[in-house]
PDB file of N, CA and C in Angstrom:
ATOM      1  N   MET A   1       1.028  -0.534   0.426  1.00  0.00           N
ATOM      2  CA  MET A   1      -0.393  -0.163   0.114  1.00  0.00           C
ATOM      3  C   MET A   1       1.002   1.142  -0.124  1.00  0.00           C
ATOM      4  N   LYS A   2       0.720   2.103  -0.731  1.00  0.00           N
ATOM      5  CA  LYS A   2       1.037   3.666  -0.539  1.00  0.00           C
ATOM      6  C   LYS A   2       0.506   4.103   0.471  1.00  0.00           C
ATOM      7  N   LYS A   3       1.840   5.123   0.795  1.00  0.00           N
ATOM      8  CA  LYS A   3       2.156   6.236   1.563  1.00  0.00           C
ATOM      9  C   LYS A   3       2.261   7.533   1.191  1.00  0.00           C
ATOM     10  N   THR A   4       0.717   8.247   1.613  1.00  0.00           N
ATOM     11  CA  THR A   4       1.144   9.393   1.651  1.00  0.00           C
ATOM     12  C   THR A   4       2.441  10.216   2.649  1.00  0.00           C
ATOM     13  N   ALA A   5       2.724  11.393   1.645  1.00  0.00           N
ATOM     14  CA  ALA A   5       3.775  12.619   2.738  1.00  0.00           C
ATOM     15  C   ALA A   5       3.175  12.683   4.065  1.00  0.00           C
ATOM     16  N   VAL A   6       1.851  12.615   4.561  1.00  0.00           N
ATOM     17  CA  VAL A   6       1.730  12.930   5.747  1.00  0.00           C
ATOM     18  C   VAL A   6       1.899  11.782   7.027  1.00  0.00           C
ATOM     19  N   GLU A   7       1.666  10.287   6.468  1.00  0.00           N
ATOM     20  CA  GLU A   7       1.555   8.998   6.399  1.00  0.00           C
ATOM     21  C   GLU A   7       3.448   8.736   7.496  1.00  0.00           C
ATOM     22  N   ILE A   8       4.439   9.201   5.866  1.00  0.00           N
ATOM     23  CA  ILE A   8       5.423   9.269   5.487  1.00  0.00           C
ATOM     24  C   ILE A   8       6.325  10.024   6.972  1.00  0.00           C
ATOM     25  N   ALA A   9       5.301  10.882   7.660  1.00  0.00           N
ATOM     26  CA  ALA A   9       6.331  12.216   8.423  1.00  0.00           C
ATOM     27  C   ALA A   9       5.538  11.556   9.760  1.00  0.00           C
ATOM     28  N   ILE A  10       4.141  11.281  10.312  1.00  0.00           N
ATOM     29  CA  ILE A  10       3.787  10.558  11.168  1.00  0.00           C
ATOM     30  C   ILE A  10       4.794   9.108  11.612  1.00  0.00           C
ATOM     31  N   PHE A  11       5.023   8.566  11.003  1.00  0.00           N
ATOM     32  CA  PHE A  11       6.144   7.469  11.190  1.00  0.00           C
ATOM     33  C   PHE A  11       7.501   8.062  11.436  1.00  0.00           C
ATOM     34  N   ARG A  12       7.960   9.718  10.986  1.00  0.00           N
ATOM     35  CA  ARG A  12       9.415   9.550  11.734  1.00  0.00           C
ATOM     36  C   ARG A  12       9.277  10.033  12.634  1.00  0.00           C
ATOM     37  N   ILE A  13       7.894  11.180  13.040  1.00  0.00           N
ATOM     38  CA  ILE A  13       7.952  12.225  13.938  1.00  0.00           C
ATOM     39  C   ILE A  13       7.855  10.578  14.959  1.00  0.00           C
ATOM     40  N   LYS A  14       7.400   9.889  14.994  1.00  0.00           N
ATOM     41  CA  LYS A  14       6.802   8.505  15.941  1.00  0.00           C
ATOM     42  C   LYS A  14       8.098   7.780  16.144  1.00  0.00           C
ATOM     43  N   GLN A  15       9.447   7.717  15.318  1.00  0.00           N
ATOM     44  CA  GLN A  15      10.488   6.707  15.618  1.00  0.00           C
ATOM     45  C   GLN A  15      10.942   8.568  16.119  1.00  0.00           C
ATOM     46  N   LEU A  16      11.262   9.261  16.543  1.00  0.00           N
ATOM     47  CA  LEU A  16      11.747  10.427  16.853  1.00  0.00           C
ATOM     48  C   LEU A  16      11.574   9.981  18.461  1.00  0.00           C
ATOM     49  N   GLN A  17      10.314  10.203  18.778  1.00  0.00           N
ATOM     50  CA  GLN A  17       9.872  10.126  19.828  1.00  0.00           C
ATOM     51  C   GLN A  17      10.746   9.089  20.784  1.00  0.00           C
ATOM     52  N   ILE A  18      10.674   7.963  19.936  1.00  0.00           N
ATOM     53  CA  ILE A  18      11.516   6.428  20.675  1.00  0.00           C
ATOM     54  C   ILE A  18      11.968   7.255  21.814  1.00  0.00           C
ATOM     55  N   GLY A  19      13.435   7.885  21.301  1.00  0.00           N
ATOM     56  CA  GLY A  19      14.839   8.311  21.729  1.00  0.00           C
ATOM     57  C   GLY A  19      14.340   9.821  22.808  1.00  0.00           C
ATOM     58  N   LEU A  20      13.432  10.134  23.140  1.00  0.00           N
ATOM     59  CA  LEU A  20      13.217  11.216  24.085  1.00  0.00           C
ATOM     60  C   LEU A  20      13.194  10.551  25.960  1.00  0.00           C
ATOM     61  N   SER A  21      13.979  11.671  25.862  1.00  0.00           N
ATOM     62  CA  SER A  21      13.511  11.192  27.784  1.00  0.00           C
ATOM     63  C   SER A  21      13.390  11.920  27.930  1.00  0.00           C
ATOM     64  N   SER A  22      13.368  13.654  28.530  1.00  0.00           N
ATOM     65  CA  SER A  22      12.739  14.927  28.002  1.00  0.00           C
ATOM     66  C   SER A  22      11.404  14.387  28.273  1.00  0.00           C
ATOM     67  N   SER A  23       9.959  15.821  29.489  1.00  0.00           N
ATOM     68  CA  SER A  23       8.512  14.839  28.862  1.00  0.00           C
ATOM     69  C   SER A  23       8.387  16.031  28.110  1.00  0.00           C
ATOM     70  N   SER A  24       8.945  17.287  28.477  1.00  0.00           N
ATOM     71  CA  SER A  24       8.561  18.744  27.140  1.00  0.00           C
ATOM     72  C   SER A  24       9.167  18.686  26.027  1.00  0.00           C
ATOM     73  N   GLN A  25       9.947  17.760  25.760  1.00  0.00           N
ATOM     74  CA  GLN A  25       9.782  17.228  24.176  1.00  0.00           C
ATOM     75  C   GLN A  25       8.658  16.453  23.560  1.00  0.00           C
ATOM     76  N   LYS A  26       8.453  15.349  24.740  1.00  0.00           N
ATOM     77  CA  LYS A  26       7.507  14.553  24.346  1.00  0.00           C
ATOM     78  C   LYS A  26       6.305  15.137  23.350  1.00  0.00           C
ATOM     79  N   ILE A  27       5.919  16.317  24.837  1.00  0.00           N
ATOM     80  CA  ILE A  27       4.814  16.738  24.968  1.00  0.00           C
ATOM     81  C   ILE A  27       4.360  17.037  23.498  1.00  0.00           C
ATOM     82  N   ALA A  28       5.885  18.749  23.166  1.00  0.00           N
ATOM     83  CA  ALA A  28       6.125  18.672  21.962  1.00  0.00           C
ATOM     84  C   ALA A  28       5.354  17.896  20.505  1.00  0.00           C
ATOM     85  N   LEU A  29       6.036  17.012  20.172  1.00  0.00           N
ATOM     86  CA  LEU A  29       5.701  16.215  19.457  1.00  0.00           C
ATOM     87  C   LEU A  29       4.053  15.615  19.584  1.00  0.00           C
ATOM     88  N   GLU A  30       3.730  14.854  20.499  1.00  0.00           N
ATOM     89  CA  GLU A  30       2.515  14.766  20.903  1.00  0.00           C
ATOM     90  C   GLU A  30       1.236  16.115  20.250  1.00  0.00           C
ATOM     91  N   GLN A  31       1.858  17.177  20.226  1.00  0.00           N
ATOM     92  CA  GLN A  31       1.275  18.175  19.894  1.00  0.00           C
ATOM     93  C   GLN A  31       1.635  18.405  18.744  1.00  0.00           C
ATOM     94  N   VAL A  32       2.567  17.883  17.855  1.00  0.00           N
ATOM     95  CA  VAL A  32       3.051  18.278  16.263  1.00  0.00           C
ATOM     96  C   VAL A  32       2.408  16.004  15.781  1.00  0.00           C
ATOM     97  N   MET A  33       1.736  16.094  16.100  1.00  0.00           N
ATOM     98  CA  MET A  33       1.737  14.324  15.968  1.00  0.00           C
ATOM     99  C   MET A  33       0.050  14.860  15.678  1.00  0.00           C
ATOM    100  N   ASP A  34      -1.108  15.483  16.745  1.00  0.00           N
ATOM    101  CA  ASP A  34      -2.359  16.418  16.188  1.00  0.00           C
ATOM    102  C   ASP A  34      -1.946  16.632  15.444  1.00  0.00           C
ATOM    103  N   ILE A  35      -1.381  17.957  15.037  1.00  0.00           N
ATOM    104  CA  ILE A  35      -1.781  18.744  13.874  1.00  0.00           C
ATOM    105  C   ILE A  35      -1.686  16.866  12.748  1.00  0.00           C
ATOM    106  N   LEU A  36      -0.965  17.334  13.114  1.00  0.00           N
ATOM    107  CA  LEU A  36      -0.028  15.600  12.044  1.00  0.00           C
ATOM    108  C   LEU A  36      -2.032  14.349  11.492  1.00  0.00           C
ATOM    109  N   GLU A  37      -2.116  15.165  12.345  1.00  0.00           N
ATOM    110  CA  GLU A  37      -3.424  13.787  12.505  1.00  0.00           C
ATOM    111  C   GLU A  37      -4.412  14.106  11.260  1.00  0.00           C
ATOM    112  N   GLN A  38      -4.646  15.819  11.674  1.00  0.00           N
ATOM    113  CA  GLN A  38      -5.470  16.392  11.372  1.00  0.00           C
ATOM    114  C   GLN A  38      -5.566  17.082  10.226  1.00  0.00           C
ATOM    115  N   ALA A  39      -3.772  16.837   9.684  1.00  0.00           N
ATOM    116  CA  ALA A  39      -3.322  16.763   8.479  1.00  0.00           C
ATOM    117  C   ALA A  39      -3.855  16.066   7.421  1.00  0.00           C
ATOM    118  N   LYS A  40      -3.191  14.360   8.373  1.00  0.00           N
ATOM    119  CA  LYS A  40      -3.897  13.285   7.876  1.00  0.00           C
ATOM    120  C   LYS A  40      -5.334  13.530   7.038  1.00  0.00           C
ATOM    121  N   ALA A  41      -6.429  13.531   8.753  1.00  0.00           N
ATOM    122  CA  ALA A  41      -7.612  13.436   6.956  1.00  0.00           C
ATOM    123  C   ALA A  41      -8.450  14.056   6.879  1.00  0.00           C
ATOM    124  N   MET A  42      -7.096  15.823   5.905  1.00  0.00           N
ATOM    125  CA  MET A  42      -7.402  16.482   5.863  1.00  0.00           C
ATOM    126  C   MET A  42      -7.236  15.726   4.495  1.00  0.00           C
ATOM    127  N   GLU A  43      -6.068  16.030   3.863  1.00  0.00           N
ATOM    128  CA  GLU A  43      -5.369  15.367   3.055  1.00  0.00           C
ATOM    129  C   GLU A  43      -6.673  13.638   2.723  1.00  0.00           C
ATOM    130  N   LYS A  44      -7.559  13.094   3.205  1.00  0.00           N
ATOM    131  CA  LYS A  44      -8.178  12.218   2.742  1.00  0.00           C
ATOM    132  C   LYS A  44      -9.221  12.945   2.469  1.00  0.00           C
ATOM    133  N   GLU A  45      -9.696  13.973   2.823  1.00  0.00           N
ATOM    134  CA  GLU A  45     -11.008  14.441   1.901  1.00  0.00           C
ATOM    135  C   GLU A  45     -10.425  14.984   0.756  1.00  0.00           C
ATOM    136  N   GLN A  46      -8.993  15.653   0.314  1.00  0.00           N
ATOM    137  CA  GLN A  46      -9.064  16.235  -0.359  1.00  0.00           C
ATOM    138  C   GLN A  46      -9.129  14.749  -1.737  1.00  0.00           C
ATOM    139  N   VAL A  47      -8.135  13.959  -1.035  1.00  0.00           N
ATOM    140  CA  VAL A  47      -7.941  12.746  -2.111  1.00  0.00           C
ATOM    141  C   VAL A  47     -10.177  12.577  -2.723  1.00  0.00           C
ATOM    142  N   GLU A  48     -10.477  12.211  -1.435  1.00  0.00           N
ATOM    143  CA  GLU A  48     -11.744  11.887  -2.056  1.00  0.00           C
ATOM    144  C   GLU A  48     -12.041  13.266  -2.768  1.00  0.00           C
ATOM    145  N   ASP A  49     -12.035  14.301  -2.652  1.00  0.00           N
ATOM    146  CA  ASP A  49     -12.807  15.328  -3.661  1.00  0.00           C
ATOM    147  C   ASP A  49     -12.378  15.017  -4.895  1.00  0.00           C
ATOM    148  N   ALA A  50     -11.187  15.066  -5.162  1.00  0.00           N
ATOM    149  CA  ALA A  50     -10.718  14.197  -6.468  1.00  0.00           C
ATOM    150  C   ALA A  50     -10.654  13.596  -7.115  1.00  0.00           C
ATOM    151  N   TYR A  51     -11.142  12.794  -6.241  1.00  0.00           N
ATOM    152  CA  TYR A  51     -11.503  11.245  -7.293  1.00  0.00           C
ATOM    153  C   TYR A  51     -12.959  10.911  -7.453  1.00  0.00           C
ATOM    154  N   TYR A  52     -14.259  11.382  -6.021  1.00  0.00           N
ATOM    155  CA  TYR A  52     -15.181  11.606  -7.183  1.00  0.00           C
ATOM    156  C   TYR A  52     -15.735  12.964  -8.063  1.00  0.00           C
ATOM    157  N   GLN A  53     -14.778  13.779  -7.872  1.00  0.00           N
ATOM    158  CA  GLN A  53     -15.200  15.049  -9.011  1.00  0.00           C
ATOM    159  C   GLN A  53     -14.663  14.865 -10.382  1.00  0.00           C
ATOM    160  N   GLY A  54     -13.296  13.425 -10.500  1.00  0.00           N
ATOM    161  CA  GLY A  54     -12.685  13.061 -11.047  1.00  0.00           C
ATOM    162  C   GLY A  54     -13.833  11.552 -11.590  1.00  0.00           C
ATOM    163  N   ALA A  55     -14.472  11.105 -11.326  1.00  0.00           N
ATOM    164  CA  ALA A  55     -15.747  10.003 -11.765  1.00  0.00           C
ATOM    165  C   ALA A  55     -16.464  11.137 -12.478  1.00  0.00           C
ATOM    166  N   LEU A  56     -16.616  12.054 -11.938  1.00  0.00           N
ATOM    167  CA  LEU A  56     -17.977  12.715 -12.575  1.00  0.00           C
ATOM    168  C   LEU A  56     -17.828  13.215 -13.495  1.00  0.00           C
ATOM    169  N   ASP A  57     -16.431  14.005 -14.057  1.00  0.00           N
ATOM    170  CA  ASP A  57     -16.218  14.600 -15.346  1.00  0.00           C
ATOM    171  C   ASP A  57     -16.203  13.694 -15.996  1.00  0.00           C
ATOM    172  N   GLU A  58     -15.388  12.729 -15.689  1.00  0.00           N
ATOM    173  CA  GLU A  58     -15.006  10.646 -16.840  1.00  0.00           C
ATOM    174  C   GLU A  58     -16.841  10.689 -17.387  1.00  0.00           C
ATOM    175  N   HIS A  59     -17.794  10.924 -16.258  1.00  0.00           N
ATOM    176  CA  HIS A  59     -19.364  10.775 -16.704  1.00  0.00           C
ATOM    177  C   HIS A  59     -19.977  11.630 -17.741  1.00  0.00           C
ATOM    178  N   ASN A  60     -19.482  12.664 -17.237  1.00  0.00           N
ATOM    179  CA  ASN A  60     -20.060  13.985 -18.559  1.00  0.00           C
ATOM    180  C   ASN A  60     -19.758  13.532 -19.841  1.00  0.00           C
ATOM    181  N   CYS A  61     -18.423  13.126 -19.419  1.00  0.00           N
ATOM    182  CA  CYS A  61     -17.546  13.741 -20.182  1.00  0.00           C
ATOM    183  C   CYS A  61     -16.290  14.839 -20.845  1.00  0.00           C
ATOM    184  N   ILE A  62     -16.888  15.236 -19.226  1.00  0.00           N
ATOM    185  CA  ILE A  62     -15.890  16.748 -19.199  1.00  0.00           C
ATOM    186  C   ILE A  62     -14.229  16.679 -18.961  1.00  0.00           C
ATOM    187  N   TYR A  63     -13.396  16.803 -19.940  1.00  0.00           N
ATOM    188  CA  TYR A  63     -12.240  17.137 -19.710  1.00  0.00           C
ATOM    189  C   TYR A  63     -11.372  18.211 -19.494  1.00  0.00           C
ATOM    190  N   SER A  64      -9.830  18.307 -18.575  1.00  0.00           N
ATOM    191  CA  SER A  64     -10.055  19.696 -18.705  1.00  0.00           C
ATOM    192  C   SER A  64      -8.525  20.337 -19.576  1.00  0.00           C
ATOM    193  N   THR A  65      -8.749  21.021 -19.907  1.00  0.00           N
ATOM    194  CA  THR A  65      -7.901  21.922 -20.070  1.00  0.00           C
ATOM    195  C   THR A  65      -6.531  23.057 -19.623  1.00  0.00           C
ATOM    196  N   LYS A  66      -6.000  22.209 -18.359  1.00  0.00           N
ATOM    197  CA  LYS A  66      -4.625  22.592 -16.971  1.00  0.00           C
ATOM    198  C   LYS A  66      -3.838  21.125 -17.439  1.00  0.00           C
ATOM    199  N   SER A  67      -3.150  22.182 -17.181  1.00  0.00           N
ATOM    200  CA  SER A  67      -3.088  20.630 -17.030  1.00  0.00           C
ATOM    201  C   SER A  67      -1.904  20.536 -15.338  1.00  0.00           C
ATOM    202  N   PHE A  68      -2.143  19.204 -14.605  1.00  0.00           N
ATOM    203  CA  PHE A  68      -1.915  19.224 -13.033  1.00  0.00           C
ATOM    204  C   PHE A  68      -1.356  20.323 -12.829  1.00  0.00           C
ATOM    205  N   GLU A  69       0.255  20.394 -13.071  1.00  0.00           N
ATOM    206  CA  GLU A  69       0.583  21.446 -12.505  1.00  0.00           C
ATOM    207  C   GLU A  69      -0.367  22.498 -11.738  1.00  0.00           C
ATOM    208  N   GLN A  70      -0.998  23.812 -13.227  1.00  0.00           N
ATOM    209  CA  GLN A  70      -1.322  24.192 -12.901  1.00  0.00           C
ATOM    210  C   GLN A  70      -3.074  24.112 -11.835  1.00  0.00           C
ATOM    211  N   TYR A  71      -3.612  22.692 -12.459  1.00  0.00           N
ATOM    212  CA  TYR A  71      -4.626  23.095 -11.459  1.00  0.00           C
ATOM    213  C   TYR A  71      -4.520  22.481  -9.705  1.00  0.00           C
ATOM    214  N   TYR A  72      -2.946  22.412  -9.288  1.00  0.00           N
ATOM    215  CA  TYR A  72      -2.102  22.005  -8.404  1.00  0.00           C
ATOM    216  C   TYR A  72      -1.937  23.411  -7.674  1.00  0.00           C
ATOM    217  N   ASN A  73      -0.969  24.280  -8.170  1.00  0.00           N
ATOM    218  CA  ASN A  73      -1.462  26.170  -8.169  1.00  0.00           C
ATOM    219  C   ASN A  73      -2.397  26.883  -7.518  1.00  0.00           C
ATOM    220  N   GLU A  74      -3.178  26.475  -8.862  1.00  0.00           N
ATOM    221  CA  GLU A  74      -4.615  26.939  -8.032  1.00  0.00           C
ATOM    222  C   GLU A  74      -5.326  26.946  -6.990  1.00  0.00           C
ATOM    223  N   THR A  75      -4.830  25.764  -7.346  1.00  0.00           N
ATOM    224  CA  THR A  75      -6.334  24.580  -5.891  1.00  0.00           C
ATOM    225  C   THR A  75      -5.381  24.978  -4.150  1.00  0.00           C
ATOM    226  N   PHE A  76      -4.015  24.345  -4.074  1.00  0.00           N
ATOM    227  CA  PHE A  76      -3.036  23.933  -3.027  1.00  0.00           C
ATOM    228  C   PHE A  76      -2.600  24.731  -2.693  1.00  0.00           C
ATOM    229  N   LYS A  77      -2.043  25.804  -3.229  1.00  0.00           N
ATOM    230  CA  LYS A  77      -0.727  27.220  -2.931  1.00  0.00           C
ATOM    231  C   LYS A  77      -1.293  27.972  -2.246  1.00  0.00           C
ATOM    232  N   LEU A  78      -0.929  28.716  -1.427  1.00  0.00           N
ATOM    233  CA  LEU A  78      -1.290  29.525  -0.226  1.00  0.00           C
ATOM    234  C   LEU A  78      -0.942  30.698  -1.054  1.00  0.00           C
TER     235      LEU A  78
END
C-alpha cells in the first residue's frame, strides 16, 4: 500500500519520540502528531473530493484543459 506524505511524516516523528527522555519534548512532539493527524484527515478528504470529481467529469465527458501543475497551484498553493 502506498503511503502519503503526511503518513510518512507521522511515521518518522514517531521514530523520533522513541529516543526522547524529556517530558517537554515528548509533549511538543505529541502536539505535532495531533496537527499531523488533522492534516492526514484533511488530505484524505482532498483525495476523496478529487476522486469523485474525476469520476463525475469522466461520466459527463468533461475534460480539463489545465495541466495538473496548473490545477495544483490554483487549488493548493497559498
